[in-house]
């Protein structure tokens, strides 16, 4: 998957969860969504992008969800 597409997809997921009143619940929802619906190869690409680019282009909620709740999505 191209990095640009991955960033767009993650930010769309963030748009959905960002409106939740409980920020931690939203972050966990993002992590859980990635775990449930993204293939292992996609999650590995996401991890590599996060490590190499510090999540450049991700909405803050996405970056927080991926870094704080790595155990729930990876």
N, C-alpha and C. Protein backbone atom coordinates (compact mmCIF):
# COMPACT_ATOMS: atom_id res chain seq x y z
N UNK A 1 0.84 -1.17 0.00
CA UNK A 1 0.00 0.00 0.00
C UNK A 1 0.89 1.24 0.00
N UNK A 2 0.51 2.22 -0.78
CA UNK A 2 1.26 3.46 -0.83
C UNK A 2 1.05 4.24 0.46
N UNK A 3 2.11 4.89 0.91
CA UNK A 3 2.03 5.66 2.15
C UNK A 3 0.94 6.72 2.11
N UNK A 4 0.80 7.39 0.97
CA UNK A 4 -0.21 8.44 0.86
C UNK A 4 -1.62 7.87 1.09
N UNK A 5 -1.88 6.71 0.53
CA UNK A 5 -3.18 6.07 0.71
C UNK A 5 -3.39 5.65 2.16
N UNK A 6 -2.34 5.15 2.78
CA UNK A 6 -2.44 4.72 4.16
C UNK A 6 -2.77 5.92 5.07
N UNK A 7 -2.11 7.03 4.84
CA UNK A 7 -2.37 8.23 5.64
C UNK A 7 -3.82 8.69 5.45
N UNK A 8 -4.29 8.69 4.22
CA UNK A 8 -5.68 9.08 3.95
C UNK A 8 -6.65 8.14 4.66
N UNK A 9 -6.40 6.84 4.55
CA UNK A 9 -7.28 5.86 5.19
C UNK A 9 -7.30 6.03 6.70
N UNK A 10 -6.13 6.19 7.29
CA UNK A 10 -6.06 6.35 8.75
C UNK A 10 -6.76 7.63 9.19
N UNK A 11 -6.58 8.70 8.45
CA UNK A 11 -7.23 9.95 8.83
C UNK A 11 -8.75 9.87 8.70
N UNK A 12 -9.23 9.09 7.75
CA UNK A 12 -10.69 8.89 7.64
C UNK A 12 -11.20 8.10 8.84
N UNK A 13 -10.45 7.12 9.26
CA UNK A 13 -10.82 6.40 10.49
C UNK A 13 -10.84 7.38 11.66
N UNK A 14 -9.84 8.24 11.70
CA UNK A 14 -9.78 9.25 12.75
C UNK A 14 -10.98 10.18 12.73
N UNK A 15 -11.44 10.55 11.54
CA UNK A 15 -12.63 11.41 11.42
C UNK A 15 -13.84 10.77 12.11
N UNK A 16 -13.98 9.47 11.92
CA UNK A 16 -15.11 8.75 12.50
C UNK A 16 -15.03 8.75 14.03
N UNK A 17 -13.87 8.41 14.57
CA UNK A 17 -13.72 8.25 16.01
C UNK A 17 -13.50 9.57 16.75
N UNK A 18 -13.06 10.58 16.05
CA UNK A 18 -12.72 11.86 16.68
C UNK A 18 -13.91 12.54 17.36
N UNK A 19 -15.10 12.26 16.90
CA UNK A 19 -16.29 12.91 17.47
C UNK A 19 -16.75 12.26 18.78
N UNK A 20 -16.15 11.16 19.16
CA UNK A 20 -16.53 10.51 20.41
C UNK A 20 -16.14 11.40 21.58
N UNK A 21 -16.99 11.50 22.59
CA UNK A 21 -16.68 12.37 23.72
C UNK A 21 -15.52 11.87 24.60
N UNK A 22 -15.32 10.58 24.65
CA UNK A 22 -14.25 10.00 25.46
C UNK A 22 -13.04 9.75 24.57
N UNK A 23 -12.00 10.55 24.76
CA UNK A 23 -10.82 10.48 23.89
C UNK A 23 -10.13 9.12 23.97
N UNK A 24 -9.98 8.58 25.16
CA UNK A 24 -9.31 7.29 25.31
C UNK A 24 -10.13 6.19 24.63
N UNK A 25 -11.43 6.24 24.78
CA UNK A 25 -12.28 5.25 24.11
C UNK A 25 -12.13 5.36 22.60
N UNK A 26 -12.03 6.59 22.10
CA UNK A 26 -11.84 6.80 20.66
C UNK A 26 -10.50 6.23 20.20
N UNK A 27 -9.45 6.47 20.96
CA UNK A 27 -8.13 5.94 20.60
C UNK A 27 -8.14 4.42 20.57
N UNK A 28 -8.75 3.82 21.56
CA UNK A 28 -8.84 2.36 21.61
C UNK A 28 -9.70 1.85 20.45
N UNK A 29 -10.73 2.58 20.10
CA UNK A 29 -11.57 2.21 18.96
C UNK A 29 -10.78 2.21 17.66
N UNK A 30 -9.91 3.19 17.50
CA UNK A 30 -9.06 3.25 16.31
C UNK A 30 -8.14 2.05 16.27
N UNK A 31 -7.46 1.79 17.37
CA UNK A 31 -6.53 0.66 17.44
C UNK A 31 -7.24 -0.66 17.18
N UNK A 32 -8.41 -0.81 17.76
CA UNK A 32 -9.19 -2.04 17.58
C UNK A 32 -9.65 -2.19 16.13
N UNK A 33 -10.06 -1.10 15.52
CA UNK A 33 -10.47 -1.13 14.12
C UNK A 33 -9.32 -1.62 13.23
N UNK A 34 -8.15 -1.07 13.45
CA UNK A 34 -6.98 -1.48 12.64
C UNK A 34 -6.71 -2.96 12.83
N UNK A 35 -6.77 -3.42 14.05
CA UNK A 35 -6.50 -4.84 14.34
C UNK A 35 -7.52 -5.76 13.65
N UNK A 36 -8.79 -5.35 13.69
CA UNK A 36 -9.86 -6.19 13.15
C UNK A 36 -9.90 -6.20 11.61
N UNK A 37 -9.66 -5.05 11.01
CA UNK A 37 -9.96 -4.91 9.58
C UNK A 37 -8.75 -4.75 8.67
N UNK A 38 -7.57 -4.58 9.22
CA UNK A 38 -6.38 -4.45 8.39
C UNK A 38 -5.60 -5.76 8.41
N UNK A 39 -5.19 -6.21 7.26
CA UNK A 39 -4.40 -7.44 7.15
C UNK A 39 -3.06 -7.24 7.89
N UNK A 40 -2.46 -8.34 8.35
CA UNK A 40 -1.17 -8.21 9.03
C UNK A 40 -0.12 -7.46 8.21
N UNK A 41 -0.11 -7.66 6.92
CA UNK A 41 0.88 -6.95 6.08
C UNK A 41 0.62 -5.45 6.09
N UNK A 42 -0.64 -5.05 6.13
CA UNK A 42 -0.98 -3.63 6.20
C UNK A 42 -0.57 -3.04 7.55
N UNK A 43 -0.77 -3.81 8.62
CA UNK A 43 -0.37 -3.33 9.95
C UNK A 43 1.15 -3.19 10.05
N UNK A 44 1.87 -4.10 9.41
CA UNK A 44 3.33 -3.99 9.40
C UNK A 44 3.78 -2.76 8.61
N UNK A 45 3.12 -2.49 7.50
CA UNK A 45 3.43 -1.28 6.73
C UNK A 45 3.15 -0.04 7.55
N UNK A 46 2.06 -0.07 8.28
CA UNK A 46 1.71 1.05 9.15
C UNK A 46 2.76 1.26 10.23
N UNK A 47 3.20 0.18 10.84
CA UNK A 47 4.23 0.27 11.87
C UNK A 47 5.53 0.83 11.30
N UNK A 48 5.91 0.35 10.14
CA UNK A 48 7.14 0.83 9.50
C UNK A 48 7.03 2.32 9.17
N UNK A 49 5.88 2.73 8.65
CA UNK A 49 5.68 4.15 8.33
C UNK A 49 5.76 4.99 9.60
N UNK A 50 5.13 4.52 10.64
CA UNK A 50 5.15 5.24 11.91
C UNK A 50 6.57 5.39 12.44
N UNK A 51 7.36 4.33 12.36
CA UNK A 51 8.75 4.37 12.84
C UNK A 51 9.62 5.27 11.97
N UNK A 52 9.46 5.19 10.66
CA UNK A 52 10.33 5.93 9.74
C UNK A 52 9.94 7.38 9.54
N UNK A 53 8.66 7.70 9.74
CA UNK A 53 8.17 9.04 9.43
C UNK A 53 7.52 9.74 10.62
N UNK A 54 7.59 9.13 11.79
CA UNK A 54 7.00 9.68 13.00
C UNK A 54 5.51 10.03 12.82
N UNK A 55 4.86 9.30 11.93
CA UNK A 55 3.44 9.51 11.71
C UNK A 55 3.12 10.79 10.96
N UNK A 56 4.05 11.28 10.19
CA UNK A 56 3.85 12.51 9.43
C UNK A 56 2.58 12.43 8.59
N UNK A 57 1.70 13.41 8.75
CA UNK A 57 0.46 13.46 7.99
C UNK A 57 -0.74 12.91 8.74
N UNK A 58 -0.50 12.18 9.82
CA UNK A 58 -1.61 11.64 10.59
C UNK A 58 -2.24 12.72 11.46
N UNK A 59 -3.55 12.63 11.62
CA UNK A 59 -4.25 13.49 12.58
C UNK A 59 -3.70 13.17 13.97
N UNK A 60 -3.73 14.13 14.89
CA UNK A 60 -3.23 13.87 16.24
C UNK A 60 -3.87 12.66 16.91
N UNK A 61 -5.18 12.47 16.73
CA UNK A 61 -5.83 11.33 17.37
C UNK A 61 -5.30 10.00 16.84
N UNK A 62 -4.95 9.96 15.57
CA UNK A 62 -4.39 8.74 14.99
C UNK A 62 -3.02 8.46 15.58
N UNK A 63 -2.19 9.47 15.62
CA UNK A 63 -0.85 9.31 16.17
C UNK A 63 -0.91 8.87 17.63
N UNK A 64 -1.81 9.47 18.39
CA UNK A 64 -1.95 9.08 19.80
C UNK A 64 -2.44 7.63 19.92
N UNK A 65 -3.42 7.27 19.12
CA UNK A 65 -3.97 5.91 19.17
C UNK A 65 -2.90 4.88 18.84
N UNK A 66 -2.12 5.15 17.82
CA UNK A 66 -1.12 4.18 17.38
C UNK A 66 0.04 4.06 18.36
N UNK A 67 0.42 5.16 18.96
CA UNK A 67 1.56 5.11 19.88
C UNK A 67 1.17 4.65 21.29
N UNK A 68 0.04 5.11 21.77
CA UNK A 68 -0.39 4.75 23.14
C UNK A 68 -0.96 3.34 23.22
N UNK A 69 -1.51 2.85 22.13
CA UNK A 69 -2.24 1.58 22.17
C UNK A 69 -1.69 0.58 21.15
N UNK A 70 -0.39 0.58 20.98
CA UNK A 70 0.23 -0.33 20.01
C UNK A 70 -0.12 -1.78 20.29
N UNK A 71 -0.24 -2.13 21.55
CA UNK A 71 -0.55 -3.52 21.91
C UNK A 71 -1.93 -3.94 21.42
N UNK A 72 -2.79 -2.99 21.09
CA UNK A 72 -4.15 -3.32 20.66
C UNK A 72 -4.29 -3.38 19.14
N UNK A 73 -3.34 -2.87 18.40
CA UNK A 73 -3.47 -2.90 16.93
C UNK A 73 -2.41 -3.73 16.24
N UNK A 74 -1.28 -3.94 16.84
CA UNK A 74 -0.21 -4.64 16.17
C UNK A 74 -0.25 -6.10 16.40
